[in-house]
Amino acid sequence: MATATSPVFVGRAQELDRLLAVLGRAEQGQPAVGLIAGDAGVGKTRLLAELADRAEKRGARVLIGGCMEAGDVGLPYVPFVDAFRDLGVRPGEAELAGSMVAAVPSLGLLLPRAGEEGIAAPPSGDAFERVQLFDGLLSLVVRLSEPPCCW
């Protein structure tokens, strides 16, 4: 049976408006965060796709990472590898990613273009190394949220 999809966004207008307001606050330099939750099949992915499309049209850098399970085990770093897959395509991003990997080498495992091929493997059991990795990820996201002239 064939399914059809439409580029026309239907429904969830109120939710989209709320998320666009969050985006507007972020564009003004104000702290902003949104959380989308719901049962499977209620349209979360479609809502996010619409938000991402509109954000990109407004000049925002959008990173999207998805979760993946392999049997009984989740792969916790896959969303980062997925989200940063095309990092380096825009001008200046490759240099930014390279400098971040130089500072936090384990970050290269999660940045397919900056390090070796992206691997969804956690760092060794060393808790300090994991803290460094998460700090590196946070620093990278913060730097990417700044205008490219400021990198």
N, C-alpha and C. Protein backbone atom coordinates (compact mmCIF):
# COMPACT_ATOMS: atom_id res chain seq x y z
N MET A 1 0.83 -1.16 0.00
CA MET A 1 0.00 0.00 0.00
C MET A 1 0.89 1.24 0.00
N ALA A 2 0.63 2.16 -0.89
CA ALA A 2 1.40 3.39 -0.99
C ALA A 2 0.87 4.43 -0.01
N THR A 3 1.79 5.21 0.51
CA THR A 3 1.39 6.32 1.37
C THR A 3 1.80 7.61 0.70
N ALA A 4 1.08 8.64 0.97
CA ALA A 4 1.38 9.94 0.40
C ALA A 4 1.72 10.92 1.51
N THR A 5 2.68 11.76 1.25
CA THR A 5 3.00 12.83 2.19
C THR A 5 2.80 14.15 1.48
N SER A 6 2.53 15.15 2.25
CA SER A 6 2.27 16.47 1.70
C SER A 6 3.26 17.46 2.27
N PRO A 7 3.74 18.39 1.46
CA PRO A 7 4.60 19.44 2.00
C PRO A 7 3.82 20.48 2.79
N VAL A 8 2.50 20.40 2.73
CA VAL A 8 1.65 21.34 3.45
C VAL A 8 1.55 20.89 4.91
N PHE A 9 1.84 21.81 5.81
CA PHE A 9 1.78 21.50 7.24
C PHE A 9 0.33 21.64 7.70
N VAL A 10 -0.19 20.58 8.27
CA VAL A 10 -1.58 20.55 8.70
C VAL A 10 -1.64 20.26 10.19
N GLY A 11 -2.42 21.04 10.90
CA GLY A 11 -2.58 20.82 12.33
C GLY A 11 -1.39 21.31 13.13
N ARG A 12 -1.49 21.21 14.41
CA ARG A 12 -0.43 21.59 15.34
C ARG A 12 0.00 23.05 15.19
N ALA A 13 -0.90 23.91 14.71
CA ALA A 13 -0.57 25.33 14.51
C ALA A 13 -0.23 26.00 15.83
N GLN A 14 -0.97 25.67 16.88
CA GLN A 14 -0.72 26.29 18.18
C GLN A 14 0.66 25.89 18.71
N GLU A 15 0.98 24.61 18.59
CA GLU A 15 2.29 24.13 19.05
C GLU A 15 3.41 24.76 18.24
N LEU A 16 3.22 24.86 16.93
CA LEU A 16 4.23 25.48 16.07
C LEU A 16 4.42 26.95 16.43
N ASP A 17 3.33 27.65 16.68
CA ASP A 17 3.43 29.06 17.08
C ASP A 17 4.23 29.22 18.37
N ARG A 18 4.01 28.31 19.32
CA ARG A 18 4.76 28.38 20.58
C ARG A 18 6.24 28.14 20.35
N LEU A 19 6.55 27.19 19.49
CA LEU A 19 7.96 26.91 19.19
C LEU A 19 8.60 28.05 18.40
N LEU A 20 7.84 28.67 17.51
CA LEU A 20 8.36 29.82 16.77
C LEU A 20 8.61 31.00 17.71
N ALA A 21 7.79 31.13 18.75
CA ALA A 21 8.02 32.17 19.75
C ALA A 21 9.32 31.90 20.52
N VAL A 22 9.59 30.62 20.81
CA VAL A 22 10.85 30.25 21.46
C VAL A 22 12.02 30.59 20.53
N LEU A 23 11.88 30.28 19.27
CA LEU A 23 12.91 30.62 18.28
C LEU A 23 13.12 32.13 18.24
N GLY A 24 12.04 32.89 18.26
CA GLY A 24 12.14 34.34 18.25
C GLY A 24 12.92 34.88 19.44
N ARG A 25 12.67 34.31 20.63
CA ARG A 25 13.43 34.72 21.81
C ARG A 25 14.91 34.41 21.63
N ALA A 26 15.21 33.25 21.10
CA ALA A 26 16.61 32.87 20.87
C ALA A 26 17.27 33.83 19.87
N GLU A 27 16.53 34.19 18.84
CA GLU A 27 17.08 35.12 17.84
C GLU A 27 17.39 36.49 18.45
N GLN A 28 16.69 36.84 19.50
CA GLN A 28 16.91 38.11 20.19
C GLN A 28 17.99 38.00 21.27
N GLY A 29 18.61 36.84 21.35
CA GLY A 29 19.68 36.64 22.32
C GLY A 29 19.20 36.29 23.71
N GLN A 30 17.93 35.97 23.85
CA GLN A 30 17.39 35.58 25.15
C GLN A 30 17.48 34.07 25.31
N PRO A 31 17.65 33.60 26.54
CA PRO A 31 17.64 32.15 26.75
C PRO A 31 16.30 31.56 26.31
N ALA A 32 16.36 30.44 25.65
CA ALA A 32 15.13 29.82 25.15
C ALA A 32 15.33 28.32 25.04
N VAL A 33 14.32 27.58 25.42
CA VAL A 33 14.36 26.13 25.28
C VAL A 33 12.93 25.64 25.07
N GLY A 34 12.79 24.61 24.27
CA GLY A 34 11.49 24.01 24.03
C GLY A 34 11.60 22.51 24.21
N LEU A 35 10.54 21.90 24.64
CA LEU A 35 10.51 20.45 24.81
C LEU A 35 9.27 19.93 24.11
N ILE A 36 9.47 18.94 23.29
CA ILE A 36 8.35 18.31 22.60
C ILE A 36 8.29 16.87 23.08
N ALA A 37 7.15 16.49 23.59
CA ALA A 37 6.96 15.13 24.09
C ALA A 37 5.58 14.65 23.67
N GLY A 38 5.44 13.37 23.57
CA GLY A 38 4.15 12.80 23.23
C GLY A 38 4.29 11.36 22.81
N ASP A 39 3.17 10.71 22.70
CA ASP A 39 3.14 9.32 22.30
C ASP A 39 3.61 9.17 20.85
N ALA A 40 4.00 7.97 20.52
CA ALA A 40 4.42 7.67 19.14
C ALA A 40 3.27 7.94 18.18
N GLY A 41 3.60 8.55 17.07
CA GLY A 41 2.62 8.74 16.02
C GLY A 41 1.75 9.98 16.13
N VAL A 42 2.04 10.87 17.09
CA VAL A 42 1.19 12.06 17.25
C VAL A 42 1.67 13.25 16.41
N GLY A 43 2.82 13.10 15.74
CA GLY A 43 3.28 14.17 14.86
C GLY A 43 4.46 14.98 15.36
N LYS A 44 5.21 14.46 16.33
CA LYS A 44 6.36 15.20 16.86
C LYS A 44 7.41 15.43 15.77
N THR A 45 7.73 14.41 15.02
CA THR A 45 8.75 14.53 13.98
C THR A 45 8.32 15.51 12.91
N ARG A 46 7.08 15.47 12.51
CA ARG A 46 6.59 16.41 11.48
C ARG A 46 6.61 17.83 12.00
N LEU A 47 6.24 18.02 13.26
CA LEU A 47 6.28 19.33 13.88
C LEU A 47 7.71 19.87 13.91
N LEU A 48 8.65 19.03 14.31
CA LEU A 48 10.05 19.45 14.33
C LEU A 48 10.57 19.74 12.93
N ALA A 49 10.17 18.96 11.96
CA ALA A 49 10.60 19.20 10.58
C ALA A 49 10.11 20.56 10.10
N GLU A 50 8.89 20.90 10.42
CA GLU A 50 8.34 22.20 10.03
C GLU A 50 9.08 23.33 10.74
N LEU A 51 9.33 23.16 12.04
CA LEU A 51 10.08 24.16 12.79
C LEU A 51 11.48 24.33 12.21
N ALA A 52 12.15 23.23 11.93
CA ALA A 52 13.50 23.29 11.37
C ALA A 52 13.51 24.01 10.03
N ASP A 53 12.55 23.70 9.19
CA ASP A 53 12.46 24.36 7.88
C ASP A 53 12.29 25.86 8.04
N ARG A 54 11.40 26.26 8.91
CA ARG A 54 11.16 27.70 9.12
C ARG A 54 12.37 28.37 9.76
N ALA A 55 13.01 27.68 10.69
CA ALA A 55 14.20 28.25 11.34
C ALA A 55 15.33 28.45 10.33
N GLU A 56 15.55 27.46 9.47
CA GLU A 56 16.60 27.59 8.45
C GLU A 56 16.30 28.73 7.49
N LYS A 57 15.03 28.92 7.15
CA LYS A 57 14.65 30.03 6.28
C LYS A 57 14.91 31.38 6.95
N ARG A 58 14.94 31.38 8.27
CA ARG A 58 15.23 32.61 9.02
C ARG A 58 16.72 32.75 9.31
N GLY A 59 17.53 31.82 8.78
CA GLY A 59 18.98 31.91 8.94
C GLY A 59 19.56 31.14 10.09
N ALA A 60 18.77 30.37 10.80
CA ALA A 60 19.27 29.60 11.94
C ALA A 60 20.01 28.36 11.48
N ARG A 61 20.98 27.95 12.25
CA ARG A 61 21.71 26.70 12.01
C ARG A 61 20.95 25.63 12.77
N VAL A 62 20.45 24.63 12.06
CA VAL A 62 19.64 23.59 12.68
C VAL A 62 20.43 22.29 12.69
N LEU A 63 20.51 21.67 13.86
CA LEU A 63 21.14 20.36 14.02
C LEU A 63 20.06 19.39 14.49
N ILE A 64 19.95 18.27 13.80
CA ILE A 64 18.94 17.28 14.16
C ILE A 64 19.62 15.93 14.33
N GLY A 65 19.43 15.33 15.47
CA GLY A 65 19.96 14.00 15.72
C GLY A 65 18.84 13.10 16.21
N GLY A 66 18.89 11.86 15.78
CA GLY A 66 17.85 10.91 16.17
C GLY A 66 18.41 9.77 16.99
N CYS A 67 17.55 9.21 17.80
CA CYS A 67 17.93 8.06 18.62
C CYS A 67 17.80 6.77 17.83
N MET A 68 18.52 5.78 18.27
CA MET A 68 18.48 4.49 17.60
C MET A 68 18.71 3.42 18.67
N GLU A 69 17.97 2.36 18.56
CA GLU A 69 18.16 1.25 19.49
C GLU A 69 18.65 0.04 18.71
N ALA A 70 19.51 -0.72 19.35
CA ALA A 70 20.01 -1.96 18.77
C ALA A 70 19.67 -3.07 19.75
N GLY A 71 18.53 -3.67 19.56
CA GLY A 71 18.08 -4.71 20.48
C GLY A 71 17.70 -4.10 21.81
N ASP A 72 18.24 -4.67 22.87
CA ASP A 72 17.93 -4.18 24.22
C ASP A 72 18.79 -3.00 24.63
N VAL A 73 19.77 -2.66 23.79
CA VAL A 73 20.73 -1.63 24.15
C VAL A 73 20.54 -0.40 23.29
N GLY A 74 20.47 0.75 23.91
CA GLY A 74 20.44 2.00 23.16
C GLY A 74 21.87 2.44 22.86
N LEU A 75 22.03 3.24 21.85
CA LEU A 75 23.34 3.77 21.51
C LEU A 75 23.32 5.27 21.82
N PRO A 76 23.77 5.64 23.01
CA PRO A 76 23.56 7.00 23.51
C PRO A 76 24.24 8.11 22.72
N TYR A 77 25.28 7.83 21.96
CA TYR A 77 25.99 8.89 21.26
C TYR A 77 25.55 9.06 19.81
N VAL A 78 24.71 8.18 19.32
CA VAL A 78 24.24 8.26 17.93
C VAL A 78 23.56 9.60 17.62
N PRO A 79 22.72 10.15 18.52
CA PRO A 79 22.11 11.44 18.18
C PRO A 79 23.13 12.55 17.92
N PHE A 80 24.27 12.52 18.63
CA PHE A 80 25.31 13.52 18.40
C PHE A 80 25.98 13.32 17.05
N VAL A 81 26.32 12.08 16.74
CA VAL A 81 26.94 11.80 15.44
C VAL A 81 25.99 12.23 14.33
N ASP A 82 24.71 11.92 14.48
CA ASP A 82 23.70 12.28 13.49
C ASP A 82 23.57 13.80 13.36
N ALA A 83 23.50 14.49 14.49
CA ALA A 83 23.31 15.94 14.48
C ALA A 83 24.51 16.68 13.88
N PHE A 84 25.70 16.17 14.10
CA PHE A 84 26.90 16.84 13.62
C PHE A 84 27.42 16.28 12.30
N ARG A 85 26.63 15.43 11.65
CA ARG A 85 27.07 14.77 10.43
C ARG A 85 27.54 15.74 9.35
N ASP A 86 26.84 16.85 9.16
CA ASP A 86 27.24 17.77 8.09
C ASP A 86 27.98 19.00 8.62
N LEU A 87 28.43 18.93 9.85
CA LEU A 87 29.21 20.03 10.40
C LEU A 87 30.50 20.17 9.59
N GLY A 88 30.73 21.34 9.10
CA GLY A 88 31.90 21.58 8.26
C GLY A 88 31.51 21.95 6.86
N VAL A 89 30.22 21.84 6.55
CA VAL A 89 29.74 22.19 5.21
C VAL A 89 29.72 23.70 5.04
N ARG A 90 29.31 24.42 6.06
CA ARG A 90 29.25 25.88 6.00
C ARG A 90 30.64 26.47 6.22
N PRO A 91 30.88 27.65 5.66
CA PRO A 91 32.19 28.28 5.82
C PRO A 91 32.58 28.47 7.29
N GLY A 92 33.79 28.10 7.61
CA GLY A 92 34.32 28.27 8.96
C GLY A 92 34.03 27.13 9.91
N GLU A 93 33.06 26.31 9.60
CA GLU A 93 32.70 25.24 10.53
C GLU A 93 33.78 24.17 10.64
N ALA A 94 34.42 23.85 9.55
CA ALA A 94 35.46 22.82 9.60
C ALA A 94 36.60 23.26 10.51
N GLU A 95 36.98 24.52 10.42
CA GLU A 95 38.05 25.04 11.28
C GLU A 95 37.62 25.06 12.74
N LEU A 96 36.37 25.47 12.98
CA LEU A 96 35.85 25.47 14.34
C LEU A 96 35.85 24.05 14.91
N ALA A 97 35.32 23.11 14.15
CA ALA A 97 35.27 21.72 14.61
C ALA A 97 36.68 21.18 14.84
N GLY A 98 37.60 21.50 13.93
CA GLY A 98 38.98 21.04 14.08
C GLY A 98 39.63 21.56 15.35
N SER A 99 39.40 22.83 15.66
CA SER A 99 40.00 23.39 16.87
C SER A 99 39.37 22.79 18.12
N MET A 100 38.07 22.48 18.05
CA MET A 100 37.40 21.86 19.19
C MET A 100 37.94 20.44 19.40
N VAL A 101 38.15 19.70 18.32
CA VAL A 101 38.68 18.34 18.42
C VAL A 101 40.12 18.37 18.94
N ALA A 102 40.88 19.38 18.54
CA ALA A 102 42.24 19.51 19.07
C ALA A 102 42.23 19.71 20.58
N ALA A 103 41.24 20.46 21.07
CA ALA A 103 41.14 20.71 22.51
C ALA A 103 40.57 19.51 23.27
N VAL A 104 39.62 18.81 22.64
CA VAL A 104 38.98 17.66 23.27
C VAL A 104 38.99 16.52 22.25
N PRO A 105 40.08 15.75 22.19
CA PRO A 105 40.22 14.73 21.14
C PRO A 105 39.07 13.73 21.05
N SER A 106 38.45 13.35 22.16
CA SER A 106 37.36 12.38 22.09
C SER A 106 36.16 12.95 21.35
N LEU A 107 36.07 14.27 21.21
CA LEU A 107 35.00 14.90 20.45
C LEU A 107 35.06 14.47 18.98
N GLY A 108 36.25 14.14 18.49
CA GLY A 108 36.42 13.69 17.12
C GLY A 108 35.63 12.42 16.81
N LEU A 109 35.35 11.62 17.83
CA LEU A 109 34.55 10.41 17.61
C LEU A 109 33.11 10.75 17.23
N LEU A 110 32.66 11.92 17.63
CA LEU A 110 31.27 12.31 17.38
C LEU A 110 31.12 13.26 16.21
N LEU A 111 32.21 13.70 15.63
CA LEU A 111 32.18 14.65 14.52
C LEU A 111 32.77 13.98 13.28
N PRO A 112 31.93 13.37 12.47
CA PRO A 112 32.42 12.60 11.33
C PRO A 112 33.37 13.35 10.40
N ARG A 113 33.17 14.62 10.18
CA ARG A 113 34.03 15.36 9.26
C ARG A 113 35.29 15.89 9.92
N ALA A 114 35.26 16.10 11.23
CA ALA A 114 36.39 16.72 11.91
C ALA A 114 37.37 15.68 12.46
N GLY A 115 36.86 14.58 12.93
CA GLY A 115 37.72 13.54 13.47
C GLY A 115 37.79 12.43 12.45
N GLU A 116 38.05 11.27 12.94
CA GLU A 116 37.97 10.12 12.07
C GLU A 116 36.50 9.85 11.86
N GLU A 117 36.16 8.84 11.11
CA GLU A 117 34.75 8.54 10.85
C GLU A 117 33.99 8.49 12.16
N GLY A 118 32.83 9.13 12.21
CA GLY A 118 32.03 9.20 13.43
C GLY A 118 31.70 7.83 13.98
N ILE A 119 31.92 7.67 15.24
CA ILE A 119 31.67 6.41 15.90
C ILE A 119 30.78 6.67 17.10
N ALA A 120 29.72 5.93 17.22
CA ALA A 120 28.80 6.12 18.34
C ALA A 120 29.25 5.30 19.53
N ALA A 121 30.52 5.42 19.89
CA ALA A 121 31.05 4.67 21.01
C ALA A 121 31.38 5.63 22.15
N PRO A 122 31.04 5.27 23.35
CA PRO A 122 31.37 6.14 24.47
C PRO A 122 32.87 6.14 24.73
N PRO A 123 33.36 7.18 25.37
CA PRO A 123 34.76 7.17 25.78
C PRO A 123 34.98 6.05 26.77
N SER A 124 36.22 5.83 27.12
CA SER A 124 36.52 4.78 28.10
C SER A 124 35.75 5.05 29.38
N GLY A 125 35.83 4.14 30.30
CA GLY A 125 35.07 4.25 31.54
C GLY A 125 35.50 5.41 32.42
N ASP A 126 36.50 6.15 32.00
CA ASP A 126 37.00 7.27 32.77
C ASP A 126 35.94 8.38 32.84
N ALA A 127 35.41 8.63 34.03
CA ALA A 127 34.36 9.64 34.21
C ALA A 127 34.85 11.03 33.82
N PHE A 128 36.13 11.33 34.09
CA PHE A 128 36.66 12.64 33.74
C PHE A 128 36.64 12.84 32.22
N GLU A 129 36.97 11.79 31.48
CA GLU A 129 36.96 11.89 30.01
C GLU A 129 35.54 12.13 29.50
N ARG A 130 34.56 11.52 30.11
CA ARG A 130 33.16 11.76 29.72
C ARG A 130 32.74 13.19 30.02
N VAL A 131 33.16 13.70 31.18
CA VAL A 131 32.86 15.09 31.52
C VAL A 131 33.49 16.01 30.50
N GLN A 132 34.73 15.73 30.11
CA GLN A 132 35.39 16.54 29.08
C GLN A 132 34.62 16.48 27.76
N LEU A 133 34.15 15.30 27.40
CA LEU A 133 33.39 15.14 26.16
C LEU A 133 32.12 15.97 26.20
N PHE A 134 31.36 15.87 27.28
CA PHE A 134 30.11 16.63 27.38
C PHE A 134 30.38 18.13 27.42
N ASP A 135 31.46 18.52 28.10
CA ASP A 135 31.83 19.93 28.11
C ASP A 135 32.21 20.39 26.71
N GLY A 136 32.92 19.54 25.97
CA GLY A 136 33.26 19.86 24.58
C GLY A 136 32.03 19.99 23.71
N LEU A 137 31.06 19.10 23.90
CA LEU A 137 29.81 19.19 23.13
C LEU A 137 29.07 20.48 23.45
N LEU A 138 28.98 20.81 24.73
CA LEU A 138 28.32 22.05 25.12
C LEU A 138 29.04 23.25 24.52
N SER A 139 30.35 23.27 24.60
CA SER A 139 31.12 24.38 24.02
C SER A 139 30.91 24.49 22.53
N LEU A 140 30.86 23.36 21.84
CA LEU A 140 30.64 23.36 20.40
C LEU A 140 29.26 23.93 20.06
N VAL A 141 28.23 23.50 20.77
CA VAL A 141 26.88 24.00 20.50
C VAL A 141 26.81 25.50 20.78
N VAL A 142 27.44 25.94 21.87
CA VAL A 142 27.45 27.38 22.18
C VAL A 142 28.16 28.15 21.08
N ARG A 143 29.32 27.66 20.63
CA ARG A 143 30.06 28.35 19.57
C ARG A 143 29.26 28.39 18.28
N LEU A 144 28.56 27.29 17.95
CA LEU A 144 27.75 27.26 16.73
C LEU A 144 26.56 28.21 16.81
N SER A 145 26.13 28.54 18.02
CA SER A 145 25.01 29.45 18.18
C SER A 145 25.43 30.91 17.98
N GLU A 146 26.73 31.15 17.98
CA GLU A 146 27.24 32.50 17.77
C GLU A 146 27.35 32.77 16.26
N PRO A 147 27.33 34.03 15.87
CA PRO A 147 27.55 34.33 14.45
C PRO A 147 28.93 33.86 14.02
N PRO A 148 29.09 33.37 12.79
CA PRO A 148 30.38 32.86 12.32
C PRO A 148 31.53 33.85 12.47
N CYS A 149 31.25 35.13 12.44
CA CYS A 149 32.31 36.11 12.58
C CYS A 149 33.00 36.05 13.95
N CYS A 150 32.31 35.47 14.92
CA CYS A 150 32.82 35.43 16.30
C CYS A 150 33.58 34.16 16.63
N TRP A 151 33.70 33.23 15.71
CA TRP A 151 34.41 31.98 15.98
C TRP A 151 35.87 32.27 16.02
